[in-house]
Protein backbone atom coordinates (compact mmCIF):
# COMPACT_ATOMS: atom_id res chain seq x y z
CA MET A 1 86.95 80.33 83.69
CA THR A 2 85.69 83.91 83.42
CA THR A 3 81.94 84.36 83.83
CA LYS A 4 80.56 86.11 80.76
CA VAL A 5 78.04 88.75 81.73
CA ILE A 6 78.06 91.43 79.04
CA SER A 7 79.42 89.37 76.17
CA ALA A 8 77.37 86.22 76.81
CA ARG A 9 75.26 86.69 73.66
CA PHE A 10 77.84 88.26 71.35
CA ASP A 11 78.49 85.12 69.31
CA LEU A 12 74.91 83.88 69.01
CA PRO A 13 73.22 83.95 65.58
CA ASP A 14 71.14 87.12 65.15
CA SER A 15 72.29 88.31 68.56
CA HIS A 16 70.97 91.81 67.81
CA ARG A 17 67.37 90.62 67.38
CA ILE A 18 64.83 90.65 70.20
CA GLU A 19 63.93 86.98 69.67
CA THR A 20 67.48 85.96 70.56
CA TYR A 21 67.61 88.33 73.52
CA VAL A 22 64.28 87.15 75.00
CA ALA A 23 65.17 83.49 74.47
CA GLU A 24 68.30 84.05 76.56
CA GLY A 25 66.37 85.62 79.45
CA GLY A 26 66.25 89.17 78.15
CA TYR A 27 63.82 91.65 79.74
CA ASN A 28 63.30 89.37 82.76
CA ALA A 29 65.17 91.90 84.88
CA LEU A 30 62.71 94.56 83.71
CA ARG A 31 59.78 92.30 84.63
CA LYS A 32 61.31 91.78 88.06
CA ALA A 33 61.87 95.49 88.66
CA LEU A 34 58.47 96.67 87.43
CA GLY A 35 56.68 93.76 89.07
CA GLY A 36 57.94 94.08 92.61
CA MET A 37 60.76 96.57 93.16
CA THR A 38 60.56 100.24 93.98
CA PRO A 39 62.89 102.69 92.19
CA GLU A 40 64.79 103.06 95.47
CA GLU A 41 65.31 99.28 95.66
CA VAL A 42 66.70 99.24 92.12
CA ILE A 43 69.19 101.97 93.05
CA GLU A 44 70.21 100.15 96.23
CA GLU A 45 70.81 96.92 94.30
CA VAL A 46 73.07 98.75 91.85
CA LYS A 47 74.90 100.39 94.77
CA ARG A 48 75.41 96.97 96.36
CA SER A 49 76.92 95.65 93.12
CA ALA A 50 79.83 98.16 93.23
CA LEU A 51 79.21 98.89 89.54
CA ARG A 52 81.31 101.89 88.54
CA GLY A 53 81.03 103.87 85.33
CA ARG A 54 82.64 102.17 82.33
CA GLY A 55 83.18 105.35 80.33
CA GLY A 56 86.21 106.87 82.01
CA ALA A 57 85.84 108.43 85.45
CA GLY A 58 84.60 105.26 87.18
CA PHE A 59 81.99 107.01 89.34
CA PRO A 60 79.66 104.61 91.24
CA THR A 61 76.53 104.17 89.12
CA GLY A 62 74.03 103.72 91.94
CA MET A 63 75.31 106.85 93.66
CA LYS A 64 74.99 108.84 90.42
CA TRP A 65 71.34 107.77 90.10
CA ASP A 66 70.72 108.58 93.75
CA PHE A 67 71.94 112.14 93.18
CA VAL A 68 69.01 112.81 90.85
CA PRO A 69 66.56 114.72 93.11
CA LYS A 70 63.28 112.91 93.70
CA ASP A 71 61.32 116.01 94.73
CA ASN A 72 62.21 118.14 91.70
CA PRO A 73 59.02 118.78 89.68
CA LYS A 74 60.91 119.11 86.38
CA PRO A 75 61.13 116.20 83.92
CA LYS A 76 64.05 113.86 84.46
CA TYR A 77 66.21 112.48 81.68
CA LEU A 78 68.58 109.56 81.21
CA VAL A 79 71.17 110.17 78.48
CA VAL A 80 73.35 107.39 77.10
CA ASN A 81 76.89 108.41 76.22
CA ALA A 82 77.59 106.35 73.10
CA ASP A 83 80.11 108.89 71.81
CA GLU A 84 82.97 106.40 71.94
CA SER A 85 85.76 108.71 70.76
CA GLU A 86 88.66 107.94 73.11
CA PRO A 87 91.59 106.74 70.98
CA GLY A 88 92.02 103.00 71.39
CA THR A 89 88.44 102.39 72.56
CA PHE A 90 86.03 100.19 70.62
CA LYS A 91 84.16 98.04 73.17
CA ASP A 92 80.85 99.96 73.23
CA ARG A 93 80.61 99.53 69.48
CA VAL A 94 80.46 95.75 69.95
CA ILE A 95 77.55 96.06 72.41
CA LEU A 96 75.63 98.35 70.06
CA GLU A 97 76.23 96.03 67.12
CA ARG A 98 75.71 92.62 68.72
CA ASP A 99 73.49 93.14 71.78
CA PRO A 100 71.54 96.42 71.56
CA HIS A 101 68.65 95.06 73.66
CA ALA A 102 70.97 94.74 76.67
CA LEU A 103 71.48 98.50 76.43
CA ILE A 104 67.75 99.12 75.97
CA GLU A 105 66.86 97.04 79.04
CA GLY A 106 69.56 98.87 81.01
CA ILE A 107 68.06 102.19 79.92
CA LEU A 108 64.63 101.03 81.04
CA LEU A 109 65.92 100.02 84.47
CA GLY A 110 67.92 103.22 84.93
CA SER A 111 65.00 105.36 83.78
CA TYR A 112 62.64 103.60 86.17
CA ALA A 113 65.11 104.13 89.00
CA ILE A 114 65.38 107.91 88.53
CA GLY A 115 61.80 108.57 87.38
CA CYS A 116 62.65 109.30 83.74
CA HIS A 117 60.14 108.98 80.90
CA GLN A 118 62.28 110.19 77.98
CA SER A 119 65.76 108.87 77.27
CA PHE A 120 68.31 109.74 74.59
CA ILE A 121 71.15 107.72 73.07
CA TYR A 122 73.84 110.15 71.91
CA ILE A 123 75.92 108.16 69.42
CA ARG A 124 79.13 109.32 67.74
CA GLY A 125 78.82 110.46 64.16
CA GLU A 126 81.23 107.82 62.84
CA TYR A 127 78.91 105.08 64.13
CA TRP A 128 76.30 105.89 61.49
CA TYR A 129 76.05 102.21 60.50
CA LEU A 130 74.92 101.31 64.03
CA ILE A 131 71.99 103.72 64.06
CA ASP A 132 69.81 101.40 61.97
CA ILE A 133 70.55 98.51 64.35
CA LEU A 134 69.56 100.64 67.35
CA GLU A 135 66.42 101.97 65.66
CA GLN A 136 65.37 98.44 64.73
CA ALA A 137 65.95 97.21 68.28
CA ILE A 138 63.92 100.11 69.71
CA ALA A 139 61.08 99.34 67.29
CA GLU A 140 61.17 95.66 68.28
CA ALA A 141 61.05 96.54 71.99
CA ARG A 142 58.15 98.92 71.42
CA GLN A 143 56.23 96.31 69.42
CA ARG A 144 56.66 93.77 72.23
CA GLY A 145 55.45 96.23 74.88
CA TYR A 146 58.83 96.94 76.46
CA LEU A 147 58.79 100.60 75.39
CA GLY A 148 56.09 103.22 75.12
CA ARG A 149 53.13 103.72 77.46
CA ASP A 150 52.16 101.45 80.36
CA ILE A 151 55.13 99.12 79.90
CA LEU A 152 54.22 95.56 80.94
CA GLU A 153 51.00 97.01 82.40
CA SER A 154 53.01 98.64 85.17
CA GLY A 155 51.98 102.25 84.58
CA PHE A 156 55.58 103.14 83.70
CA ASP A 157 56.16 105.02 80.42
CA LEU A 158 59.39 105.48 78.50
CA ASP A 159 60.50 106.38 75.01
CA ILE A 160 64.04 106.38 73.56
CA VAL A 161 65.45 108.67 70.86
CA VAL A 162 68.72 108.02 69.02
CA HIS A 163 70.66 111.23 68.38
CA PRO A 164 73.87 111.13 66.27
CA GLY A 165 76.69 113.52 66.99
CA ALA A 166 79.00 115.04 64.40
CA GLY A 167 82.32 113.41 65.27
CA ALA A 168 83.65 115.78 67.95
CA TYR A 169 85.81 114.15 70.65
CA ILE A 170 84.87 116.86 73.15
CA CYS A 171 81.24 115.67 73.06
CA GLY A 172 82.30 112.54 74.91
CA GLU A 173 82.53 114.82 77.97
CA GLU A 174 79.09 114.67 79.54
CA THR A 175 78.28 118.39 79.68
CA SER A 176 79.52 119.01 76.12
CA LEU A 177 77.33 116.09 75.08
CA LEU A 178 74.31 117.74 76.70
CA GLU A 179 75.06 121.04 74.96
CA SER A 180 75.25 119.23 71.61
CA LEU A 181 72.06 117.30 72.35
CA GLU A 182 70.32 120.64 72.92
CA GLY A 183 71.43 121.76 69.45
CA LYS A 184 74.27 124.00 70.59
CA ARG A 185 78.01 123.92 70.00
CA GLY A 186 79.69 121.23 72.11
CA TYR A 187 81.36 123.38 74.75
CA PRO A 188 81.83 122.01 78.29
CA ARG A 189 79.75 123.53 81.06
CA ILE A 190 81.11 124.80 84.34
CA LYS A 191 80.41 122.39 87.23
CA PRO A 192 78.70 122.74 89.66
CA PRO A 193 75.82 122.57 89.01
CA PHE A 194 76.20 118.94 87.98
CA PRO A 195 73.95 117.27 85.39
CA ALA A 196 72.15 115.26 88.10
CA VAL A 197 70.60 118.55 89.24
CA VAL A 198 70.82 120.82 86.16
CA GLY A 199 71.34 118.75 83.05
CA LEU A 200 69.52 118.40 79.73
CA TYR A 201 67.21 121.38 79.16
CA GLY A 202 68.03 122.51 82.70
CA CYS A 203 66.40 119.40 84.17
CA PRO A 204 67.80 116.61 86.40
CA THR A 205 69.76 114.21 84.19
CA ALA A 206 71.75 111.00 84.58
CA VAL A 207 74.44 110.44 81.94
CA ASN A 208 75.68 106.85 81.66
CA ASN A 209 78.02 104.95 79.35
CA VAL A 210 76.75 102.15 77.08
CA GLU A 211 78.60 99.35 78.89
CA THR A 212 77.52 100.70 82.28
CA LEU A 213 73.84 100.41 81.40
CA ALA A 214 74.27 97.04 79.65
CA SER A 215 75.66 95.73 82.96
CA VAL A 216 72.52 96.64 84.95
CA PRO A 217 70.04 93.90 83.84
CA PRO A 218 72.18 91.01 85.21
CA ILE A 219 72.60 92.94 88.47
CA ILE A 220 68.86 93.29 88.95
CA LEU A 221 68.18 89.71 87.86
CA ARG A 222 70.86 87.98 89.95
CA GLY A 223 71.57 90.49 92.68
CA GLY A 224 74.17 93.09 93.50
CA ASP A 225 76.11 90.79 95.83
CA TRP A 226 76.56 88.24 93.04
CA TYR A 227 77.85 90.90 90.66
CA ARG A 228 80.22 92.37 93.22
CA SER A 229 81.68 88.93 93.90
CA LEU A 230 82.84 88.67 90.28
CA GLY A 231 85.28 91.54 90.76
CA THR A 232 86.94 93.21 93.72
CA GLY A 233 85.33 94.74 96.77
CA LYS A 234 85.39 98.30 95.42
CA SER A 235 85.29 97.48 91.70
CA GLY A 236 82.48 95.00 91.16
CA GLY A 237 81.72 92.71 88.26
CA THR A 238 83.34 92.14 84.90
CA ARG A 239 84.38 94.61 82.26
CA LEU A 240 85.06 94.76 78.55
CA PHE A 241 88.65 95.62 77.63
CA ALA A 242 89.52 96.77 74.12
CA VAL A 243 93.08 95.59 73.47
CA SER A 244 95.02 97.02 70.54
CA GLY A 245 98.65 97.47 69.57
CA HIS A 246 101.46 94.95 69.38
CA VAL A 247 99.76 91.76 70.58
CA ARG A 248 99.07 88.60 68.62
CA LYS A 249 95.33 88.64 69.28
CA PRO A 250 93.91 92.15 69.66
CA GLY A 251 90.20 92.46 70.33
CA VAL A 252 87.53 92.89 73.00
CA TYR A 253 87.86 90.73 76.11
CA GLU A 254 85.44 90.42 79.03
CA LEU A 255 87.36 89.92 82.25
CA PRO A 256 86.69 90.29 85.97
CA MET A 257 87.78 93.50 87.64
CA GLY A 258 91.15 92.92 89.29
CA TYR A 259 92.44 90.67 86.48
CA PRO A 260 96.25 90.79 86.06
CA LEU A 261 97.28 92.94 83.10
CA LYS A 262 100.28 90.69 82.45
CA LYS A 263 97.99 87.64 82.17
CA LEU A 264 95.73 89.45 79.71
CA ILE A 265 98.66 90.33 77.45
CA GLU A 266 100.57 87.04 77.66
CA GLN A 267 97.75 84.48 77.80
CA ASP A 268 94.49 85.94 76.53
CA CYS A 269 96.11 88.06 73.79
CA GLY A 270 98.82 85.51 72.94
CA GLY A 271 101.75 87.69 73.97
CA ILE A 272 103.68 90.35 72.09
CA ARG A 273 103.71 89.75 68.34
CA ASN A 274 106.83 88.70 66.43
CA GLY A 275 108.54 87.59 69.64
CA LYS A 276 109.27 91.14 70.73
CA ARG A 277 109.49 92.38 74.32
CA LEU A 278 106.95 94.57 76.05
CA LYS A 279 107.98 98.21 76.35
CA ALA A 280 104.95 100.12 77.59
CA VAL A 281 101.16 99.97 78.05
CA ILE A 282 98.53 102.67 78.06
CA PRO A 283 95.84 101.04 80.24
CA GLY A 284 92.76 103.21 79.74
CA GLY A 285 92.76 104.98 76.40
CA SER A 286 95.10 107.75 75.27
CA SER A 287 94.17 109.97 78.21
CA ALA A 288 95.53 107.46 80.76
CA PRO A 289 99.16 107.93 81.88
CA ILE A 290 101.54 105.41 80.32
CA LEU A 291 102.94 102.42 82.25
CA THR A 292 106.41 100.94 81.87
CA ALA A 293 106.77 97.20 81.23
CA GLU A 294 107.73 96.68 84.88
CA GLU A 295 104.64 98.54 86.09
CA ALA A 296 102.42 96.63 83.64
CA GLU A 297 103.68 93.30 84.97
CA ARG A 298 102.41 94.07 88.48
CA ALA A 299 99.25 95.95 87.50
CA THR A 300 95.75 94.56 87.96
CA LEU A 301 92.79 95.82 85.99
CA ASP A 302 90.86 97.69 88.63
CA PHE A 303 90.49 101.33 89.64
CA GLU A 304 92.46 101.05 92.88
CA CYS A 305 95.63 99.39 91.58
CA LEU A 306 95.99 101.68 88.58
CA ALA A 307 95.42 104.73 90.79
CA GLU A 308 98.31 103.53 92.98
CA LEU A 309 100.43 103.37 89.83
CA LYS A 310 99.35 106.97 89.09
CA SER A 311 97.38 105.91 86.01
CA MET A 312 93.73 105.05 85.44
CA LEU A 313 91.46 102.40 83.98
CA GLY A 314 89.58 105.04 81.99
CA SER A 315 87.61 103.66 79.07
CA GLY A 316 89.16 100.19 79.31
CA ALA A 317 91.23 100.68 76.15
CA ILE A 318 94.55 98.89 76.55
CA ILE A 319 97.20 99.99 74.04
CA VAL A 320 100.22 97.65 74.05
CA MET A 321 103.60 98.84 72.76
CA ASP A 322 106.56 96.60 71.95
CA GLU A 323 110.30 97.33 72.18
CA ASP A 324 110.41 98.96 68.74
CA THR A 325 107.83 101.63 69.63
CA ASP A 326 109.03 105.23 69.47
CA ILE A 327 107.48 106.74 72.60
CA PHE A 328 108.38 110.25 71.44
CA LYS A 329 106.40 109.86 68.20
CA ALA A 330 103.50 108.19 70.01
CA CYS A 331 103.24 111.16 72.40
CA TRP A 332 103.55 113.62 69.52
CA ARG A 333 100.69 111.90 67.68
CA MET A 334 98.46 112.02 70.75
CA THR A 335 99.30 115.69 71.33
CA GLU A 336 98.31 116.50 67.74
CA PHE A 337 95.02 114.68 68.34
CA TYR A 338 94.25 116.73 71.46
CA GLU A 339 95.25 119.95 69.70
CA HIS A 340 92.88 119.14 66.85
CA GLU A 341 90.01 118.12 69.16
CA SER A 342 90.31 121.01 71.62
CA CYS A 343 87.13 123.07 71.54
CA GLY A 344 89.23 126.21 71.99
CA TRP A 345 87.16 127.49 74.91
CA CYS A 346 89.95 127.91 77.48
CA VAL A 347 93.51 129.19 77.21
CA PRO A 348 95.38 126.33 78.98
CA CYS A 349 94.04 123.72 76.57
CA ARG A 350 93.82 125.79 73.40
CA GLU A 351 97.30 127.32 73.69
CA GLY A 352 98.93 124.51 75.67
CA THR A 353 98.20 121.76 73.14
CA ARG A 354 99.23 124.05 70.27
CA TRP A 355 102.57 124.91 71.82
CA MET A 356 103.29 121.32 72.79
CA SER A 357 102.73 120.28 69.17
CA LYS A 358 105.08 123.01 67.95
CA ILE A 359 107.80 121.93 70.39
CA PHE A 360 107.40 118.26 69.39
CA GLU A 361 107.79 119.26 65.74
CA ARG A 362 110.86 121.39 66.47
CA ILE A 363 112.53 118.55 68.36
CA HIS A 364 111.70 116.02 65.64
CA CYS A 365 113.14 118.27 62.94
CA GLY A 366 116.48 118.31 64.75
CA GLU A 367 116.13 121.92 65.87
CA GLY A 368 115.32 121.11 69.47
CA ARG A 369 117.06 122.91 72.31
CA PRO A 370 118.34 121.17 75.46
CA ARG A 371 115.61 122.75 77.55
CA ASP A 372 112.76 121.72 75.22
CA ILE A 373 112.08 118.43 76.99
CA ASP A 374 111.74 120.18 80.33
CA LEU A 375 109.63 122.83 78.60
CA LEU A 376 107.21 120.12 77.40
CA ALA A 377 106.95 118.76 80.93
CA GLU A 378 106.43 122.28 82.30
CA LEU A 379 103.67 122.98 79.77
CA SER A 380 101.96 119.71 80.73
CA ASN A 381 102.12 120.52 84.43
CA ASN A 382 100.75 124.01 83.82
CA MET A 383 97.78 122.57 81.91
CA PHE A 384 96.90 119.90 84.46
CA GLY A 385 93.98 120.96 86.66
CA ARG A 386 93.69 124.37 84.99
CA ALA A 387 91.65 123.62 81.87
CA HIS A 388 87.91 124.07 81.60
CA CYS A 389 87.31 120.33 81.18
CA PRO A 390 89.23 117.01 81.37
CA LEU A 391 90.60 117.29 77.81
CA GLY A 392 93.39 119.54 79.08
CA ASP A 393 94.26 117.01 81.77
CA ALA A 394 94.21 114.19 79.20
CA SER A 395 96.72 115.96 76.95
CA ALA A 396 98.98 116.58 79.95
CA TRP A 397 98.76 112.93 81.05
CA ALA A 398 99.77 111.85 77.55
CA VAL A 399 103.09 113.72 77.78
CA GLU A 400 104.46 114.35 81.28
CA PRO A 401 104.50 110.71 82.53
CA ALA A 402 106.11 109.61 79.25
CA ILE A 403 108.91 112.16 79.66
CA ARG A 404 109.44 111.09 83.26
CA LYS A 405 109.55 107.37 82.46
CA PHE A 406 111.09 107.37 78.97
CA ARG A 407 113.23 110.50 78.90
CA GLY A 408 115.87 108.84 76.73
CA GLU A 409 113.27 108.44 73.96
CA PHE A 410 113.01 112.24 73.86
CA GLU A 411 116.67 113.05 74.33
CA LYS A 412 117.76 111.08 71.26
CA TYR A 413 115.95 113.64 69.08
CA LEU A 414 118.13 116.45 70.41
CA ARG A 415 120.99 115.20 68.24
CA PRO A 416 121.58 116.60 64.73
CA PRO A 417 119.07 115.33 62.12
CA ALA A 418 121.58 113.09 60.31
CA LYS A 419 122.37 111.19 63.50
CA VAL A 420 118.70 110.81 64.32
CA ALA A 421 118.05 109.16 60.94
CA ALA A 422 120.95 106.77 61.46
CA SER A 423 119.87 105.67 64.95
């Protein structure tokens, strides 16, 4: 039986209220940290847990906090990336809706670890209905003495501000998020310098995902070794997976890192709907390279295995496709999304996504040329690693692996339009 860490309170009555959270042991990790642990000890415990970022890149959380310079006299900030805009991803929304105090306690622990006294939650514009829940939870925590000045009589101060975005996918990238938080247009910054050194308002900043921070209180309360033991050696703990697509029971599942993807689809999600066969899986949101059914059957849900399969765990959004799925149209739709969401700052992304969309449309209309499929792959390869930020890479990953693995799905559209309609 899977140990529930993040989702343990999701189904409790009034799970978003502080009374429920405290009754279930909430804020005890904060008491432990402020009562007898140094900031360095908090960071070391998180390092020991092998907790890696749950937003996409999977960078070790304790290491990220350790990069924030201790001797810098400028203010330090912790910014929560709640801009959950990756297509297929909806697991952070559940945390914000059902267990906001887990996030708040995680923010408190992270802020204490890096020496931060002002934190921001940057939430996507479409999550407007969650802002009231967050604001209420922050007010409850402040009233109980968990936020504000001299928290739990420890001398530690912290305040949290909720800042809504305006629905731009690019602001899920951490430096674009910081630009938007500063009141500017959400353009990515050149790195280095990295946010840990020069972040919000030019000050040292840690940017963490919602689920990442919600995972910290159990680590501090029960120990990093315990949390690591729930997953694999390099990918510790459990994780929320947002499963969508052609399964009987889509939804959010908490599973240990290293869990077999095949088992998730066939047992937890009840298998492919309508008795169909599995065709493909996108394992980490639309920016993760697609897997064939054969690859999905031997994949495990951890960073290492999916890297070996030349894909990634990304945001933990698992999109399942059955045998009737048109891979060509799925890739075309994703390309249109990336074209629309490109900030337009750099040529490879701005022009590359536009031209890929045009070629997809030409092929679909029956006017495609024999070389167009190779031209799509060439455009993808020319974009990869050359764009100003990861959005260019994401749009390339959405196309080139699909062409390589499902070329026949593209070639069928090179026939005359009448034959395409009949197939």
